[in-house]
Amino acid sequence: MKITVVIIAVLLSGFSSWAQDIRDYRWKNRLLFLSVNQAGTVTASEAAGKYKSHKKAMSERELLLFFIKDDTIFDATGNSVDLELPAHYFPVPGGTVLVGKDGGVKLHQKGIADPVRIFEVIDGMPMRRAEMRRKKPD
C-alpha cells in the first residue's frame, strides 16, 4: 500500500510542471531578457557580444542573461530553456527587460541595453546597495 502511494505521488509530481518556474529565481537572481532575431534588429551574437566582457560584473550582481528568439528562451550559453514567463517579462522585438530579485520589472526598453546602463540601474536598487554594504571589507 505504501509503495503504491509513493509511486502515485512521484508520477503526479512529474506531471505538475514540465517548464521551470520563474519563481525559482526570485530572491536569488536578477534576470535580463534580450529579444533577438537573425534577420532583424539584433542577432543573438551581437547581443551576447555586448555582455561577454562583463561576466564578473554580472556575477557580482547575480544577473542571469537570457535571449528570446521566436518565443523560445535561451540561456547565455545558447541552450534552450523551458521557462514560462509572464507576458510583461517579454521585451519588444529587439528590446530589453530587466527583472529584479523581487520579480518586478525594473527596466523595459526598446533596443538592447548597454551593460553599463543595466549595471547603473541595478546598483541604484535598494537591495543591491544593501548587498554592496554587506560585501564591503571592514
N, C-alpha and C. Protein backbone atom coordinates (compact mmCIF):
# COMPACT_ATOMS: atom_id res chain seq x y z
N MET A 1 0.82 -1.19 0.00
CA MET A 1 0.00 0.00 0.00
C MET A 1 0.86 1.26 0.00
N LYS A 2 1.88 1.30 0.89
CA LYS A 2 2.74 2.48 0.96
C LYS A 2 3.48 2.71 -0.35
N ILE A 3 3.92 1.62 -0.95
CA ILE A 3 4.67 1.76 -2.20
C ILE A 3 3.79 2.31 -3.31
N THR A 4 2.51 1.94 -3.33
CA THR A 4 1.57 2.45 -4.31
C THR A 4 1.39 3.95 -4.15
N VAL A 5 1.27 4.41 -2.92
CA VAL A 5 1.11 5.85 -2.65
C VAL A 5 2.35 6.61 -3.12
N VAL A 6 3.52 6.06 -2.85
CA VAL A 6 4.77 6.70 -3.25
C VAL A 6 4.86 6.79 -4.78
N ILE A 7 4.52 5.70 -5.46
CA ILE A 7 4.57 5.68 -6.93
C ILE A 7 3.60 6.71 -7.50
N ILE A 8 2.41 6.77 -6.98
CA ILE A 8 1.42 7.73 -7.47
C ILE A 8 1.91 9.16 -7.22
N ALA A 9 2.48 9.42 -6.07
CA ALA A 9 2.99 10.76 -5.75
C ALA A 9 4.11 11.17 -6.72
N VAL A 10 5.01 10.23 -7.01
CA VAL A 10 6.11 10.52 -7.93
C VAL A 10 5.56 10.79 -9.33
N LEU A 11 4.63 9.98 -9.78
CA LEU A 11 4.04 10.19 -11.11
C LEU A 11 3.32 11.52 -11.20
N LEU A 12 2.55 11.86 -10.20
CA LEU A 12 1.81 13.12 -10.23
C LEU A 12 2.74 14.32 -10.16
N SER A 13 3.80 14.22 -9.40
CA SER A 13 4.74 15.35 -9.32
C SER A 13 5.44 15.57 -10.65
N GLY A 14 5.66 14.53 -11.41
CA GLY A 14 6.28 14.66 -12.72
C GLY A 14 5.40 15.35 -13.72
N PHE A 15 4.08 15.26 -13.56
CA PHE A 15 3.16 15.88 -14.49
C PHE A 15 2.77 17.29 -14.09
N SER A 16 3.15 17.73 -12.91
CA SER A 16 2.68 19.03 -12.43
C SER A 16 3.26 20.18 -13.23
N SER A 17 4.51 20.05 -13.70
CA SER A 17 5.10 21.15 -14.45
C SER A 17 6.31 20.67 -15.23
N TRP A 18 6.25 20.82 -16.52
CA TRP A 18 7.39 20.46 -17.35
C TRP A 18 8.36 21.62 -17.43
N ALA A 19 7.84 22.83 -17.39
CA ALA A 19 8.68 24.02 -17.52
C ALA A 19 9.19 24.47 -16.16
N GLN A 20 10.36 25.08 -16.19
CA GLN A 20 10.92 25.64 -14.96
C GLN A 20 10.09 26.85 -14.57
N ASP A 21 9.87 27.01 -13.31
CA ASP A 21 9.06 28.11 -12.82
C ASP A 21 9.94 29.33 -12.61
N ILE A 22 9.52 30.46 -13.13
CA ILE A 22 10.28 31.70 -13.00
C ILE A 22 10.46 32.08 -11.53
N ARG A 23 9.56 31.63 -10.68
CA ARG A 23 9.67 31.94 -9.24
C ARG A 23 10.88 31.28 -8.60
N ASP A 24 11.47 30.28 -9.27
CA ASP A 24 12.68 29.63 -8.75
C ASP A 24 13.84 30.62 -8.65
N TYR A 25 13.80 31.68 -9.45
CA TYR A 25 14.87 32.67 -9.46
C TYR A 25 14.63 33.80 -8.45
N ARG A 26 13.40 33.94 -7.99
CA ARG A 26 13.06 35.06 -7.11
C ARG A 26 13.92 35.03 -5.85
N TRP A 27 14.40 36.19 -5.48
CA TRP A 27 15.25 36.44 -4.31
C TRP A 27 16.65 35.84 -4.46
N LYS A 28 16.94 35.22 -5.61
CA LYS A 28 18.26 34.65 -5.84
C LYS A 28 19.02 35.37 -6.95
N ASN A 29 18.30 35.71 -8.02
CA ASN A 29 18.94 36.28 -9.20
C ASN A 29 18.13 37.43 -9.77
N ARG A 30 18.85 38.31 -10.44
CA ARG A 30 18.22 39.30 -11.32
C ARG A 30 18.27 38.70 -12.71
N LEU A 31 17.28 39.00 -13.52
CA LEU A 31 17.18 38.37 -14.84
C LEU A 31 17.17 39.44 -15.92
N LEU A 32 17.93 39.21 -16.97
CA LEU A 32 17.97 40.13 -18.10
C LEU A 32 17.54 39.38 -19.34
N PHE A 33 16.46 39.84 -19.95
CA PHE A 33 15.92 39.22 -21.16
C PHE A 33 16.16 40.14 -22.35
N LEU A 34 16.83 39.61 -23.37
CA LEU A 34 17.11 40.35 -24.59
C LEU A 34 16.40 39.67 -25.74
N SER A 35 15.61 40.43 -26.47
CA SER A 35 14.89 39.89 -27.62
C SER A 35 15.79 40.01 -28.86
N VAL A 36 16.05 38.88 -29.48
CA VAL A 36 16.96 38.85 -30.64
C VAL A 36 16.31 38.11 -31.79
N ASN A 37 16.84 38.31 -32.99
CA ASN A 37 16.41 37.54 -34.15
C ASN A 37 17.55 37.51 -35.15
N GLN A 38 17.46 36.65 -36.11
CA GLN A 38 18.55 36.51 -37.06
C GLN A 38 18.53 37.58 -38.14
N ALA A 39 17.38 37.88 -38.67
CA ALA A 39 17.33 38.77 -39.83
C ALA A 39 16.99 40.21 -39.46
N GLY A 40 16.51 40.44 -38.27
CA GLY A 40 16.00 41.76 -37.92
C GLY A 40 16.97 42.64 -37.18
N THR A 41 16.47 43.26 -36.16
CA THR A 41 17.19 44.31 -35.47
C THR A 41 18.49 43.88 -34.82
N VAL A 42 18.49 42.80 -34.05
CA VAL A 42 19.67 42.38 -33.31
C VAL A 42 19.78 40.86 -33.34
N THR A 43 20.99 40.38 -33.63
CA THR A 43 21.19 38.93 -33.58
C THR A 43 21.67 38.55 -32.18
N ALA A 44 21.56 37.28 -31.87
CA ALA A 44 21.99 36.79 -30.56
C ALA A 44 23.49 37.03 -30.36
N SER A 45 24.28 36.83 -31.40
CA SER A 45 25.72 37.02 -31.26
C SER A 45 26.07 38.48 -31.00
N GLU A 46 25.36 39.41 -31.63
CA GLU A 46 25.59 40.84 -31.36
C GLU A 46 25.24 41.18 -29.92
N ALA A 47 24.10 40.70 -29.47
CA ALA A 47 23.67 40.99 -28.10
C ALA A 47 24.61 40.34 -27.09
N ALA A 48 25.00 39.10 -27.35
CA ALA A 48 25.91 38.41 -26.44
C ALA A 48 27.26 39.12 -26.39
N GLY A 49 27.69 39.64 -27.52
CA GLY A 49 28.96 40.35 -27.59
C GLY A 49 29.02 41.55 -26.66
N LYS A 50 27.88 42.22 -26.49
CA LYS A 50 27.84 43.38 -25.60
C LYS A 50 28.13 42.99 -24.15
N TYR A 51 27.71 41.80 -23.77
CA TYR A 51 27.79 41.38 -22.37
C TYR A 51 28.95 40.43 -22.08
N LYS A 52 29.59 39.93 -23.14
CA LYS A 52 30.63 38.91 -22.98
C LYS A 52 31.76 39.34 -22.05
N SER A 53 32.20 40.57 -22.16
CA SER A 53 33.33 41.03 -21.36
C SER A 53 32.93 41.49 -19.96
N HIS A 54 31.68 41.32 -19.61
CA HIS A 54 31.17 41.80 -18.31
C HIS A 54 30.75 40.66 -17.39
N LYS A 55 31.33 39.49 -17.56
CA LYS A 55 30.92 38.33 -16.76
C LYS A 55 31.09 38.55 -15.27
N LYS A 56 32.21 39.16 -14.87
CA LYS A 56 32.46 39.39 -13.45
C LYS A 56 31.42 40.35 -12.87
N ALA A 57 31.14 41.43 -13.58
CA ALA A 57 30.16 42.41 -13.12
C ALA A 57 28.78 41.78 -13.02
N MET A 58 28.45 40.91 -13.97
CA MET A 58 27.16 40.24 -13.94
C MET A 58 27.08 39.28 -12.76
N SER A 59 28.17 38.55 -12.52
CA SER A 59 28.20 37.62 -11.40
C SER A 59 28.05 38.35 -10.07
N GLU A 60 28.76 39.47 -9.91
CA GLU A 60 28.68 40.26 -8.68
C GLU A 60 27.25 40.73 -8.41
N ARG A 61 26.52 40.99 -9.47
CA ARG A 61 25.14 41.48 -9.35
C ARG A 61 24.12 40.35 -9.41
N GLU A 62 24.61 39.12 -9.46
CA GLU A 62 23.75 37.94 -9.54
C GLU A 62 22.75 38.08 -10.68
N LEU A 63 23.27 38.48 -11.83
CA LEU A 63 22.48 38.75 -13.02
C LEU A 63 22.62 37.61 -14.01
N LEU A 64 21.50 37.03 -14.40
CA LEU A 64 21.48 35.97 -15.40
C LEU A 64 20.95 36.53 -16.72
N LEU A 65 21.59 36.16 -17.80
CA LEU A 65 21.25 36.65 -19.12
C LEU A 65 20.49 35.58 -19.90
N PHE A 66 19.38 36.01 -20.51
CA PHE A 66 18.58 35.13 -21.36
C PHE A 66 18.30 35.84 -22.67
N PHE A 67 18.21 35.07 -23.73
CA PHE A 67 17.84 35.59 -25.04
C PHE A 67 16.49 35.01 -25.41
N ILE A 68 15.66 35.81 -26.03
CA ILE A 68 14.37 35.34 -26.53
C ILE A 68 14.37 35.51 -28.03
N LYS A 69 14.16 34.41 -28.72
CA LYS A 69 14.10 34.42 -30.19
C LYS A 69 12.91 33.58 -30.61
N ASP A 70 12.01 34.19 -31.34
CA ASP A 70 10.81 33.49 -31.84
C ASP A 70 10.10 32.75 -30.71
N ASP A 71 9.88 33.39 -29.59
CA ASP A 71 9.19 32.84 -28.43
C ASP A 71 9.91 31.66 -27.78
N THR A 72 11.18 31.44 -28.12
CA THR A 72 11.99 30.43 -27.46
C THR A 72 13.01 31.16 -26.60
N ILE A 73 13.24 30.64 -25.41
CA ILE A 73 14.16 31.28 -24.47
C ILE A 73 15.45 30.46 -24.43
N PHE A 74 16.58 31.19 -24.51
CA PHE A 74 17.90 30.57 -24.47
C PHE A 74 18.69 31.19 -23.32
N ASP A 75 19.53 30.37 -22.67
CA ASP A 75 20.40 30.92 -21.63
C ASP A 75 21.62 31.55 -22.29
N ALA A 76 22.53 32.07 -21.49
CA ALA A 76 23.70 32.78 -22.01
C ALA A 76 24.63 31.88 -22.81
N THR A 77 24.54 30.56 -22.61
CA THR A 77 25.38 29.64 -23.36
C THR A 77 24.74 29.19 -24.67
N GLY A 78 23.51 29.63 -24.91
CA GLY A 78 22.82 29.29 -26.15
C GLY A 78 21.95 28.06 -26.06
N ASN A 79 21.81 27.50 -24.87
CA ASN A 79 20.95 26.33 -24.69
C ASN A 79 19.50 26.77 -24.50
N SER A 80 18.60 26.07 -25.13
CA SER A 80 17.18 26.34 -24.98
C SER A 80 16.76 26.04 -23.54
N VAL A 81 15.95 26.93 -22.99
CA VAL A 81 15.49 26.80 -21.61
C VAL A 81 13.96 26.76 -21.63
N ASP A 82 13.41 25.76 -20.98
CA ASP A 82 11.95 25.65 -20.89
C ASP A 82 11.50 26.44 -19.67
N LEU A 83 11.25 27.71 -19.88
CA LEU A 83 10.93 28.64 -18.80
C LEU A 83 9.67 29.39 -19.16
N GLU A 84 8.68 29.29 -18.31
CA GLU A 84 7.43 30.00 -18.57
C GLU A 84 7.53 31.39 -17.97
N LEU A 85 7.31 32.40 -18.83
CA LEU A 85 7.41 33.78 -18.39
C LEU A 85 6.07 34.48 -18.44
N PRO A 86 5.84 35.37 -17.48
CA PRO A 86 4.65 36.23 -17.58
C PRO A 86 4.81 37.14 -18.80
N ALA A 87 3.72 37.56 -19.39
CA ALA A 87 3.75 38.36 -20.61
C ALA A 87 4.57 39.64 -20.44
N HIS A 88 4.53 40.26 -19.28
CA HIS A 88 5.25 41.53 -19.10
C HIS A 88 6.77 41.34 -18.99
N TYR A 89 7.27 40.12 -18.96
CA TYR A 89 8.70 39.87 -18.98
C TYR A 89 9.25 39.82 -20.41
N PHE A 90 8.38 39.74 -21.39
CA PHE A 90 8.83 39.66 -22.78
C PHE A 90 9.15 41.06 -23.29
N PRO A 91 10.39 41.26 -23.76
CA PRO A 91 10.73 42.56 -24.33
C PRO A 91 10.10 42.72 -25.70
N VAL A 92 10.00 43.97 -26.14
CA VAL A 92 9.58 44.21 -27.52
C VAL A 92 10.65 43.63 -28.42
N PRO A 93 10.33 43.31 -29.68
CA PRO A 93 11.37 42.77 -30.57
C PRO A 93 12.60 43.68 -30.60
N GLY A 94 13.75 43.08 -30.37
CA GLY A 94 14.99 43.84 -30.32
C GLY A 94 15.16 44.62 -29.03
N GLY A 95 14.36 44.31 -28.00
CA GLY A 95 14.37 45.08 -26.77
C GLY A 95 14.95 44.35 -25.57
N THR A 96 14.85 45.02 -24.43
CA THR A 96 15.45 44.56 -23.19
C THR A 96 14.45 44.65 -22.05
N VAL A 97 14.44 43.64 -21.17
CA VAL A 97 13.69 43.68 -19.92
C VAL A 97 14.61 43.21 -18.81
N LEU A 98 14.69 44.01 -17.75
CA LEU A 98 15.46 43.67 -16.56
C LEU A 98 14.48 43.38 -15.44
N VAL A 99 14.63 42.22 -14.81
CA VAL A 99 13.76 41.79 -13.72
C VAL A 99 14.59 41.72 -12.44
N GLY A 100 14.10 42.36 -11.39
CA GLY A 100 14.81 42.35 -10.11
C GLY A 100 14.61 41.06 -9.36
N LYS A 101 15.33 40.92 -8.26
CA LYS A 101 15.21 39.72 -7.43
C LYS A 101 13.81 39.56 -6.87
N ASP A 102 13.09 40.66 -6.72
CA ASP A 102 11.73 40.60 -6.19
C ASP A 102 10.71 40.19 -7.26
N GLY A 103 11.16 40.02 -8.50
CA GLY A 103 10.27 39.62 -9.58
C GLY A 103 9.66 40.79 -10.33
N GLY A 104 9.95 42.01 -9.91
CA GLY A 104 9.40 43.19 -10.58
C GLY A 104 10.25 43.61 -11.77
N VAL A 105 9.58 44.15 -12.79
CA VAL A 105 10.30 44.65 -13.96
C VAL A 105 10.92 45.99 -13.59
N LYS A 106 12.24 46.09 -13.71
CA LYS A 106 12.98 47.28 -13.33
C LYS A 106 13.34 48.15 -14.53
N LEU A 107 13.38 47.54 -15.71
CA LEU A 107 13.69 48.28 -16.93
C LEU A 107 13.03 47.56 -18.09
N HIS A 108 12.38 48.33 -18.94
CA HIS A 108 11.73 47.78 -20.13
C HIS A 108 11.99 48.80 -21.22
N GLN A 109 12.81 48.44 -22.20
CA GLN A 109 13.16 49.43 -23.22
C GLN A 109 13.28 48.81 -24.59
N LYS A 110 13.14 49.66 -25.60
CA LYS A 110 13.42 49.25 -26.98
C LYS A 110 14.92 49.22 -27.14
N GLY A 111 15.40 48.30 -27.91
CA GLY A 111 16.83 48.19 -28.15
C GLY A 111 17.52 47.37 -27.06
N ILE A 112 18.67 46.85 -27.41
CA ILE A 112 19.46 46.08 -26.46
C ILE A 112 20.20 47.07 -25.57
N ALA A 113 19.92 47.02 -24.29
CA ALA A 113 20.51 47.96 -23.35
C ALA A 113 22.01 47.75 -23.21
N ASP A 114 22.72 48.84 -23.07
CA ASP A 114 24.14 48.80 -22.83
C ASP A 114 24.38 48.21 -21.44
N PRO A 115 25.37 47.32 -21.29
CA PRO A 115 25.64 46.72 -19.98
C PRO A 115 25.87 47.75 -18.87
N VAL A 116 26.56 48.82 -19.18
CA VAL A 116 26.82 49.85 -18.17
C VAL A 116 25.50 50.44 -17.66
N ARG A 117 24.56 50.65 -18.55
CA ARG A 117 23.23 51.17 -18.15
C ARG A 117 22.52 50.16 -17.24
N ILE A 118 22.60 48.89 -17.59
CA ILE A 118 21.97 47.85 -16.76
C ILE A 118 22.60 47.85 -15.37
N PHE A 119 23.92 47.93 -15.31
CA PHE A 119 24.61 47.93 -14.01
C PHE A 119 24.24 49.15 -13.18
N GLU A 120 24.07 50.29 -13.84
CA GLU A 120 23.65 51.51 -13.13
C GLU A 120 22.26 51.34 -12.51
N VAL A 121 21.36 50.77 -13.29
CA VAL A 121 20.00 50.54 -12.79
C VAL A 121 20.06 49.59 -11.59
N ILE A 122 20.78 48.50 -11.73
CA ILE A 122 20.88 47.52 -10.64
C ILE A 122 21.53 48.14 -9.41
N ASP A 123 22.63 48.86 -9.62
CA ASP A 123 23.34 49.45 -8.47
C ASP A 123 22.53 50.52 -7.76
N GLY A 124 21.51 51.03 -8.40
CA GLY A 124 20.62 52.00 -7.77
C GLY A 124 19.49 51.37 -6.99
N MET A 125 19.35 50.06 -7.08
CA MET A 125 18.28 49.36 -6.37
C MET A 125 18.63 49.24 -4.89
N PRO A 126 17.65 49.44 -3.99
CA PRO A 126 17.93 49.32 -2.56
C PRO A 126 18.53 47.98 -2.15
N MET A 127 18.06 46.90 -2.73
CA MET A 127 18.58 45.58 -2.37
C MET A 127 20.05 45.46 -2.77
N ARG A 128 20.39 45.97 -3.93
CA ARG A 128 21.78 45.91 -4.40
C ARG A 128 22.67 46.79 -3.51
N ARG A 129 22.20 47.96 -3.14
CA ARG A 129 23.01 48.82 -2.26
C ARG A 129 23.28 48.12 -0.94
N ALA A 130 22.28 47.42 -0.43
CA ALA A 130 22.47 46.66 0.82
C ALA A 130 23.48 45.53 0.62
N GLU A 131 23.42 44.87 -0.54
CA GLU A 131 24.39 43.80 -0.84
C GLU A 131 25.81 44.37 -0.87
N MET A 132 25.97 45.53 -1.48
CA MET A 132 27.31 46.13 -1.59
C MET A 132 27.83 46.52 -0.20
N ARG A 133 26.96 47.02 0.66
CA ARG A 133 27.39 47.39 2.02
C ARG A 133 27.83 46.15 2.78
N ARG A 134 27.10 45.05 2.64
CA ARG A 134 27.45 43.81 3.34
C ARG A 134 28.76 43.24 2.83
N LYS A 135 29.09 43.40 1.57
CA LYS A 135 30.29 42.81 0.98
C LYS A 135 31.52 43.70 1.13
N LYS A 136 31.35 44.93 1.58
CA LYS A 136 32.49 45.82 1.75
C LYS A 136 33.44 45.28 2.82
N PRO A 137 34.74 45.27 2.50
CA PRO A 137 35.69 44.84 3.54
C PRO A 137 35.75 45.87 4.66
N ASP A 138 35.86 45.40 5.90
CA ASP A 138 35.88 46.30 7.05
C ASP A 138 37.21 46.97 7.22
